[in-house]
Amino acid sequence: MKKIRMTIYLDPAVYDDLRAYAGSRRQPLSIMAEAAVAAFVNPEQRELAIVRKLGAIERQLDRMKRDANISIEAFMVYVWLWLGANPPLPEQAAIAARASATERYDQFMETLGQRLAAGDCSKASFDIRA
C-alpha cells in the first residue's frame, strides 16, 4: 500500500523530542511520527503498547526474582560449607569469639547504615578498604 505524503508543523521542542526518541530507537523520523499518530487516533494501538511495556516489565521482574533466588541459594551454600569447615570452639574461646563477633557486627551495621544513608548501595562495591 502506497503511503500518503503529509506536511505538518511541529513546535521545535516537540520536534527535538521526536528526533531524540527516533534516534534512541534507531528509526527514521517518519516511522516514529506515523506510530505516534496511529497511537493517538487508535486506542487499540495504545493498549498494545501498554501491554508490550508491561510484558517487558514482567520479564525484568522475573529476571530479578531469579537473580535474587540464585543469590540466596549461593549464600545458603556458603553458610553450610562455612559451618562444616569450622568446628565449634571450646567454651573459653567461644566467649572471646562472641565478644569479637559482637564488636565486628556493630561495626558492620554502622558501616551499612552510613552507606545506606549516603545512597552508595545502588552500585556494587566490594572494596574492603572502603
N, C-alpha and C. Protein backbone atom coordinates (compact mmCIF):
# COMPACT_ATOMS: atom_id res chain seq x y z
N MET A 1 0.84 -1.18 0.00
CA MET A 1 0.00 0.00 0.00
C MET A 1 0.88 1.25 0.00
N LYS A 2 0.56 2.14 -0.88
CA LYS A 2 1.33 3.36 -1.01
C LYS A 2 0.96 4.32 0.12
N LYS A 3 1.96 4.96 0.68
CA LYS A 3 1.72 5.90 1.78
C LYS A 3 1.44 7.29 1.22
N ILE A 4 0.68 8.06 1.96
CA ILE A 4 0.30 9.42 1.56
C ILE A 4 1.26 10.40 2.22
N ARG A 5 1.76 11.31 1.43
CA ARG A 5 2.68 12.34 1.94
C ARG A 5 1.87 13.43 2.61
N MET A 6 2.38 13.89 3.78
CA MET A 6 1.68 14.92 4.53
C MET A 6 2.71 15.87 5.13
N THR A 7 2.42 17.14 5.10
CA THR A 7 3.30 18.13 5.70
C THR A 7 2.66 18.60 7.00
N ILE A 8 3.46 18.61 8.06
CA ILE A 8 2.95 19.07 9.36
C ILE A 8 3.91 20.09 9.94
N TYR A 9 3.42 20.84 10.90
CA TYR A 9 4.23 21.82 11.60
C TYR A 9 4.27 21.41 13.07
N LEU A 10 5.50 21.34 13.61
CA LEU A 10 5.69 20.94 14.99
C LEU A 10 6.40 22.05 15.76
N ASP A 11 6.06 22.14 17.01
CA ASP A 11 6.80 23.01 17.91
C ASP A 11 8.25 22.51 17.95
N PRO A 12 9.23 23.38 18.00
CA PRO A 12 10.63 22.93 18.00
C PRO A 12 10.95 21.95 19.13
N ALA A 13 10.37 22.15 20.30
CA ALA A 13 10.62 21.24 21.42
C ALA A 13 10.06 19.85 21.13
N VAL A 14 8.87 19.80 20.52
CA VAL A 14 8.27 18.51 20.17
C VAL A 14 9.11 17.82 19.10
N TYR A 15 9.58 18.61 18.13
CA TYR A 15 10.42 18.04 17.07
C TYR A 15 11.72 17.47 17.66
N ASP A 16 12.33 18.23 18.58
CA ASP A 16 13.56 17.74 19.21
C ASP A 16 13.31 16.45 19.99
N ASP A 17 12.19 16.39 20.70
CA ASP A 17 11.85 15.16 21.44
C ASP A 17 11.64 13.99 20.48
N LEU A 18 10.92 14.24 19.39
CA LEU A 18 10.67 13.19 18.40
C LEU A 18 11.99 12.72 17.78
N ARG A 19 12.86 13.66 17.45
CA ARG A 19 14.14 13.31 16.85
C ARG A 19 15.00 12.50 17.83
N ALA A 20 15.00 12.90 19.09
CA ALA A 20 15.78 12.17 20.10
C ALA A 20 15.22 10.76 20.30
N TYR A 21 13.89 10.66 20.35
CA TYR A 21 13.27 9.35 20.53
C TYR A 21 13.55 8.43 19.34
N ALA A 22 13.42 8.97 18.14
CA ALA A 22 13.69 8.18 16.94
C ALA A 22 15.16 7.76 16.90
N GLY A 23 16.04 8.66 17.31
CA GLY A 23 17.46 8.32 17.34
C GLY A 23 17.77 7.23 18.34
N SER A 24 17.11 7.27 19.50
CA SER A 24 17.36 6.24 20.52
C SER A 24 16.84 4.88 20.06
N ARG A 25 15.83 4.89 19.22
CA ARG A 25 15.27 3.64 18.69
C ARG A 25 15.90 3.24 17.36
N ARG A 26 16.76 4.14 16.83
CA ARG A 26 17.41 3.91 15.53
C ARG A 26 16.38 3.70 14.42
N GLN A 27 15.39 4.57 14.40
CA GLN A 27 14.31 4.51 13.41
C GLN A 27 14.21 5.87 12.73
N PRO A 28 13.72 5.90 11.50
CA PRO A 28 13.51 7.18 10.81
C PRO A 28 12.41 7.99 11.50
N LEU A 29 12.51 9.31 11.38
CA LEU A 29 11.50 10.19 11.97
C LEU A 29 10.10 9.88 11.46
N SER A 30 9.97 9.58 10.17
CA SER A 30 8.64 9.36 9.59
C SER A 30 7.96 8.14 10.22
N ILE A 31 8.72 7.10 10.51
CA ILE A 31 8.13 5.91 11.13
C ILE A 31 7.68 6.22 12.55
N MET A 32 8.49 6.98 13.29
CA MET A 32 8.12 7.34 14.66
C MET A 32 6.90 8.27 14.67
N ALA A 33 6.86 9.22 13.74
CA ALA A 33 5.71 10.13 13.67
C ALA A 33 4.45 9.36 13.30
N GLU A 34 4.56 8.44 12.35
CA GLU A 34 3.40 7.64 11.96
C GLU A 34 2.90 6.80 13.12
N ALA A 35 3.81 6.20 13.88
CA ALA A 35 3.42 5.39 15.03
C ALA A 35 2.75 6.24 16.10
N ALA A 36 3.25 7.46 16.30
CA ALA A 36 2.66 8.35 17.29
C ALA A 36 1.24 8.76 16.90
N VAL A 37 1.05 9.10 15.63
CA VAL A 37 -0.29 9.47 15.16
C VAL A 37 -1.23 8.27 15.24
N ALA A 38 -0.75 7.10 14.85
CA ALA A 38 -1.58 5.89 14.91
C ALA A 38 -1.99 5.59 16.35
N ALA A 39 -1.08 5.76 17.29
CA ALA A 39 -1.40 5.51 18.69
C ALA A 39 -2.40 6.54 19.21
N PHE A 40 -2.31 7.77 18.71
CA PHE A 40 -3.21 8.82 19.15
C PHE A 40 -4.63 8.61 18.64
N VAL A 41 -4.77 8.20 17.39
CA VAL A 41 -6.11 8.07 16.80
C VAL A 41 -6.71 6.69 17.01
N ASN A 42 -5.90 5.70 17.38
CA ASN A 42 -6.40 4.33 17.56
C ASN A 42 -6.11 3.87 18.99
N PRO A 43 -7.14 3.81 19.85
CA PRO A 43 -6.91 3.40 21.24
C PRO A 43 -6.35 1.98 21.36
N GLU A 44 -6.65 1.13 20.40
CA GLU A 44 -6.13 -0.23 20.47
C GLU A 44 -4.60 -0.24 20.36
N GLN A 45 -4.04 0.68 19.59
CA GLN A 45 -2.59 0.79 19.47
C GLN A 45 -1.98 1.15 20.83
N ARG A 46 -2.65 2.08 21.54
CA ARG A 46 -2.15 2.47 22.87
C ARG A 46 -2.18 1.28 23.81
N GLU A 47 -3.26 0.51 23.76
CA GLU A 47 -3.37 -0.67 24.62
C GLU A 47 -2.29 -1.68 24.30
N LEU A 48 -2.01 -1.88 23.01
CA LEU A 48 -0.95 -2.81 22.62
C LEU A 48 0.41 -2.35 23.13
N ALA A 49 0.65 -1.04 23.05
CA ALA A 49 1.93 -0.51 23.54
C ALA A 49 2.05 -0.72 25.05
N ILE A 50 0.97 -0.49 25.76
CA ILE A 50 0.99 -0.69 27.21
C ILE A 50 1.21 -2.16 27.55
N VAL A 51 0.55 -3.05 26.82
CA VAL A 51 0.73 -4.48 27.06
C VAL A 51 2.17 -4.90 26.79
N ARG A 52 2.77 -4.37 25.73
CA ARG A 52 4.17 -4.68 25.43
C ARG A 52 5.09 -4.20 26.55
N LYS A 53 4.85 -2.99 27.03
CA LYS A 53 5.69 -2.45 28.11
C LYS A 53 5.50 -3.25 29.39
N LEU A 54 4.26 -3.63 29.69
CA LEU A 54 4.02 -4.44 30.88
C LEU A 54 4.70 -5.80 30.75
N GLY A 55 4.70 -6.36 29.56
CA GLY A 55 5.39 -7.63 29.34
C GLY A 55 6.88 -7.51 29.58
N ALA A 56 7.46 -6.39 29.13
CA ALA A 56 8.89 -6.17 29.35
C ALA A 56 9.18 -6.00 30.84
N ILE A 57 8.32 -5.29 31.55
CA ILE A 57 8.50 -5.12 33.00
C ILE A 57 8.38 -6.47 33.70
N GLU A 58 7.42 -7.28 33.28
CA GLU A 58 7.25 -8.61 33.87
C GLU A 58 8.50 -9.47 33.67
N ARG A 59 9.08 -9.41 32.48
CA ARG A 59 10.30 -10.19 32.23
C ARG A 59 11.46 -9.69 33.09
N GLN A 60 11.56 -8.37 33.26
CA GLN A 60 12.61 -7.84 34.12
C GLN A 60 12.43 -8.30 35.56
N LEU A 61 11.20 -8.27 36.03
CA LEU A 61 10.92 -8.72 37.40
C LEU A 61 11.22 -10.21 37.56
N ASP A 62 10.91 -11.00 36.54
CA ASP A 62 11.23 -12.43 36.60
C ASP A 62 12.73 -12.66 36.69
N ARG A 63 13.50 -11.87 35.91
CA ARG A 63 14.97 -11.99 35.97
C ARG A 63 15.48 -11.58 37.35
N MET A 64 14.92 -10.51 37.90
CA MET A 64 15.34 -10.07 39.22
C MET A 64 15.01 -11.11 40.28
N LYS A 65 13.85 -11.73 40.17
CA LYS A 65 13.46 -12.77 41.11
C LYS A 65 14.42 -13.96 41.00
N ARG A 66 14.73 -14.34 39.77
CA ARG A 66 15.67 -15.44 39.55
C ARG A 66 17.04 -15.11 40.14
N ASP A 67 17.52 -13.89 39.88
CA ASP A 67 18.82 -13.48 40.41
C ASP A 67 18.83 -13.46 41.94
N ALA A 68 17.73 -12.99 42.54
CA ALA A 68 17.65 -12.98 44.00
C ALA A 68 17.65 -14.40 44.54
N ASN A 69 16.93 -15.30 43.89
CA ASN A 69 16.92 -16.70 44.34
C ASN A 69 18.31 -17.33 44.22
N ILE A 70 19.03 -17.02 43.16
CA ILE A 70 20.39 -17.53 42.99
C ILE A 70 21.28 -17.00 44.10
N SER A 71 21.16 -15.71 44.42
CA SER A 71 21.97 -15.11 45.48
C SER A 71 21.66 -15.75 46.83
N ILE A 72 20.40 -15.96 47.11
CA ILE A 72 20.00 -16.59 48.37
C ILE A 72 20.56 -18.00 48.45
N GLU A 73 20.42 -18.75 47.37
CA GLU A 73 20.92 -20.13 47.35
C GLU A 73 22.44 -20.15 47.52
N ALA A 74 23.15 -19.25 46.85
CA ALA A 74 24.60 -19.19 46.97
C ALA A 74 25.00 -18.87 48.41
N PHE A 75 24.30 -17.95 49.04
CA PHE A 75 24.60 -17.62 50.43
C PHE A 75 24.34 -18.80 51.35
N MET A 76 23.25 -19.52 51.11
CA MET A 76 22.94 -20.70 51.93
C MET A 76 24.04 -21.76 51.79
N VAL A 77 24.51 -21.98 50.57
CA VAL A 77 25.58 -22.96 50.36
C VAL A 77 26.86 -22.50 51.06
N TYR A 78 27.16 -21.20 50.98
CA TYR A 78 28.34 -20.67 51.64
C TYR A 78 28.27 -20.90 53.16
N VAL A 79 27.13 -20.57 53.77
CA VAL A 79 26.98 -20.75 55.21
C VAL A 79 27.09 -22.22 55.57
N TRP A 80 26.47 -23.08 54.80
CA TRP A 80 26.52 -24.53 55.08
C TRP A 80 27.96 -25.03 55.02
N LEU A 81 28.71 -24.61 53.99
CA LEU A 81 30.11 -25.02 53.89
C LEU A 81 30.96 -24.41 55.00
N TRP A 82 30.70 -23.15 55.34
CA TRP A 82 31.45 -22.49 56.40
C TRP A 82 31.23 -23.20 57.74
N LEU A 83 29.97 -23.54 58.02
CA LEU A 83 29.69 -24.24 59.27
C LEU A 83 30.34 -25.62 59.29
N GLY A 84 30.40 -26.28 58.16
CA GLY A 84 31.03 -27.59 58.09
C GLY A 84 32.54 -27.53 58.23
N ALA A 85 33.15 -26.42 57.81
CA ALA A 85 34.60 -26.30 57.83
C ALA A 85 35.13 -25.75 59.16
N ASN A 86 34.26 -25.13 59.95
CA ASN A 86 34.69 -24.52 61.21
C ASN A 86 34.08 -25.27 62.39
N PRO A 87 34.90 -26.03 63.12
CA PRO A 87 34.36 -26.78 64.27
C PRO A 87 33.98 -25.83 65.39
N PRO A 88 33.09 -26.27 66.29
CA PRO A 88 32.72 -25.42 67.43
C PRO A 88 33.94 -25.14 68.31
N LEU A 89 33.95 -23.96 68.92
CA LEU A 89 35.06 -23.55 69.77
C LEU A 89 34.86 -24.06 71.20
N PRO A 90 35.96 -24.25 71.93
CA PRO A 90 35.83 -24.54 73.36
C PRO A 90 35.17 -23.35 74.06
N GLU A 91 34.58 -23.59 75.23
CA GLU A 91 33.78 -22.57 75.92
C GLU A 91 34.55 -21.27 76.16
N GLN A 92 35.78 -21.36 76.64
CA GLN A 92 36.57 -20.16 76.94
C GLN A 92 36.81 -19.35 75.66
N ALA A 93 37.17 -20.02 74.59
CA ALA A 93 37.41 -19.33 73.32
C ALA A 93 36.10 -18.82 72.73
N ALA A 94 35.00 -19.53 72.98
CA ALA A 94 33.70 -19.11 72.45
C ALA A 94 33.28 -17.78 73.04
N ILE A 95 33.55 -17.54 74.31
CA ILE A 95 33.19 -16.27 74.96
C ILE A 95 33.94 -15.12 74.28
N ALA A 96 35.24 -15.28 74.08
CA ALA A 96 36.04 -14.25 73.42
C ALA A 96 35.58 -14.06 71.97
N ALA A 97 35.25 -15.15 71.31
CA ALA A 97 34.79 -15.06 69.92
C ALA A 97 33.47 -14.31 69.84
N ARG A 98 32.55 -14.56 70.79
CA ARG A 98 31.27 -13.84 70.80
C ARG A 98 31.49 -12.34 70.99
N ALA A 99 32.39 -11.97 71.89
CA ALA A 99 32.68 -10.56 72.13
C ALA A 99 33.24 -9.91 70.86
N SER A 100 34.17 -10.59 70.22
CA SER A 100 34.74 -10.08 68.97
C SER A 100 33.67 -9.99 67.89
N ALA A 101 32.83 -11.01 67.80
CA ALA A 101 31.77 -11.02 66.78
C ALA A 101 30.79 -9.88 67.02
N THR A 102 30.44 -9.62 68.27
CA THR A 102 29.52 -8.52 68.58
C THR A 102 30.12 -7.19 68.16
N GLU A 103 31.39 -6.98 68.45
CA GLU A 103 32.07 -5.75 68.05
C GLU A 103 32.12 -5.61 66.54
N ARG A 104 32.48 -6.67 65.85
CA ARG A 104 32.55 -6.63 64.40
C ARG A 104 31.17 -6.43 63.77
N TYR A 105 30.14 -7.04 64.38
CA TYR A 105 28.77 -6.88 63.86
C TYR A 105 28.32 -5.44 64.02
N ASP A 106 28.61 -4.83 65.18
CA ASP A 106 28.24 -3.43 65.38
C ASP A 106 28.93 -2.53 64.36
N GLN A 107 30.21 -2.81 64.08
CA GLN A 107 30.95 -2.04 63.07
C GLN A 107 30.32 -2.24 61.68
N PHE A 108 29.94 -3.48 61.38
CA PHE A 108 29.29 -3.78 60.10
C PHE A 108 27.99 -2.99 59.97
N MET A 109 27.16 -3.00 61.03
CA MET A 109 25.87 -2.30 60.98
C MET A 109 26.07 -0.79 60.83
N GLU A 110 27.07 -0.25 61.50
CA GLU A 110 27.35 1.18 61.38
C GLU A 110 27.77 1.53 59.95
N THR A 111 28.66 0.72 59.38
CA THR A 111 29.10 0.95 58.00
C THR A 111 27.94 0.82 57.02
N LEU A 112 27.11 -0.20 57.21
CA LEU A 112 25.95 -0.39 56.35
C LEU A 112 25.00 0.79 56.44
N GLY A 113 24.75 1.26 57.66
CA GLY A 113 23.88 2.43 57.84
C GLY A 113 24.42 3.66 57.14
N GLN A 114 25.73 3.87 57.22
CA GLN A 114 26.34 5.02 56.57
C GLN A 114 26.20 4.92 55.04
N ARG A 115 26.41 3.72 54.51
CA ARG A 115 26.30 3.54 53.05
C ARG A 115 24.87 3.71 52.58
N LEU A 116 23.91 3.20 53.37
CA LEU A 116 22.50 3.38 53.01
C LEU A 116 22.13 4.85 53.04
N ALA A 117 22.58 5.57 54.06
CA ALA A 117 22.27 7.00 54.18
C ALA A 117 22.90 7.80 53.04
N ALA A 118 24.08 7.38 52.59
CA ALA A 118 24.77 8.09 51.51
C ALA A 118 24.25 7.68 50.13
N GLY A 119 23.46 6.61 50.07
CA GLY A 119 22.94 6.15 48.79
C GLY A 119 23.95 5.37 47.98
N ASP A 120 24.95 4.78 48.62
CA ASP A 120 26.01 4.05 47.91
C ASP A 120 25.63 2.63 47.54
N CYS A 121 24.44 2.18 47.87
CA CYS A 121 24.09 0.77 47.65
C CYS A 121 23.56 0.50 46.26
N SER A 122 23.46 1.53 45.41
CA SER A 122 22.97 1.30 44.05
C SER A 122 24.04 0.68 43.17
N LYS A 123 25.29 0.79 43.58
CA LYS A 123 26.37 0.20 42.78
C LYS A 123 27.05 -0.87 43.63
N ALA A 124 27.48 -1.90 42.96
CA ALA A 124 28.17 -2.97 43.68
C ALA A 124 29.60 -2.54 43.93
N SER A 125 29.95 -2.42 45.18
CA SER A 125 31.31 -2.03 45.55
C SER A 125 31.78 -2.95 46.64
N PHE A 126 32.68 -3.83 46.30
CA PHE A 126 33.14 -4.82 47.24
C PHE A 126 34.56 -4.56 47.71
N ASP A 127 35.01 -3.33 47.58
CA ASP A 127 36.35 -2.97 48.01
C ASP A 127 36.37 -2.93 49.53
N ILE A 128 37.15 -3.78 50.17
CA ILE A 128 37.13 -3.85 51.63
C ILE A 128 37.79 -2.65 52.27
N ARG A 129 38.50 -1.83 51.48
CA ARG A 129 39.13 -0.64 52.03
C ARG A 129 38.14 0.50 52.16
N ALA A 130 36.98 0.38 51.53
CA ALA A 130 36.00 1.49 51.52
C ALA A 130 35.38 1.70 52.88
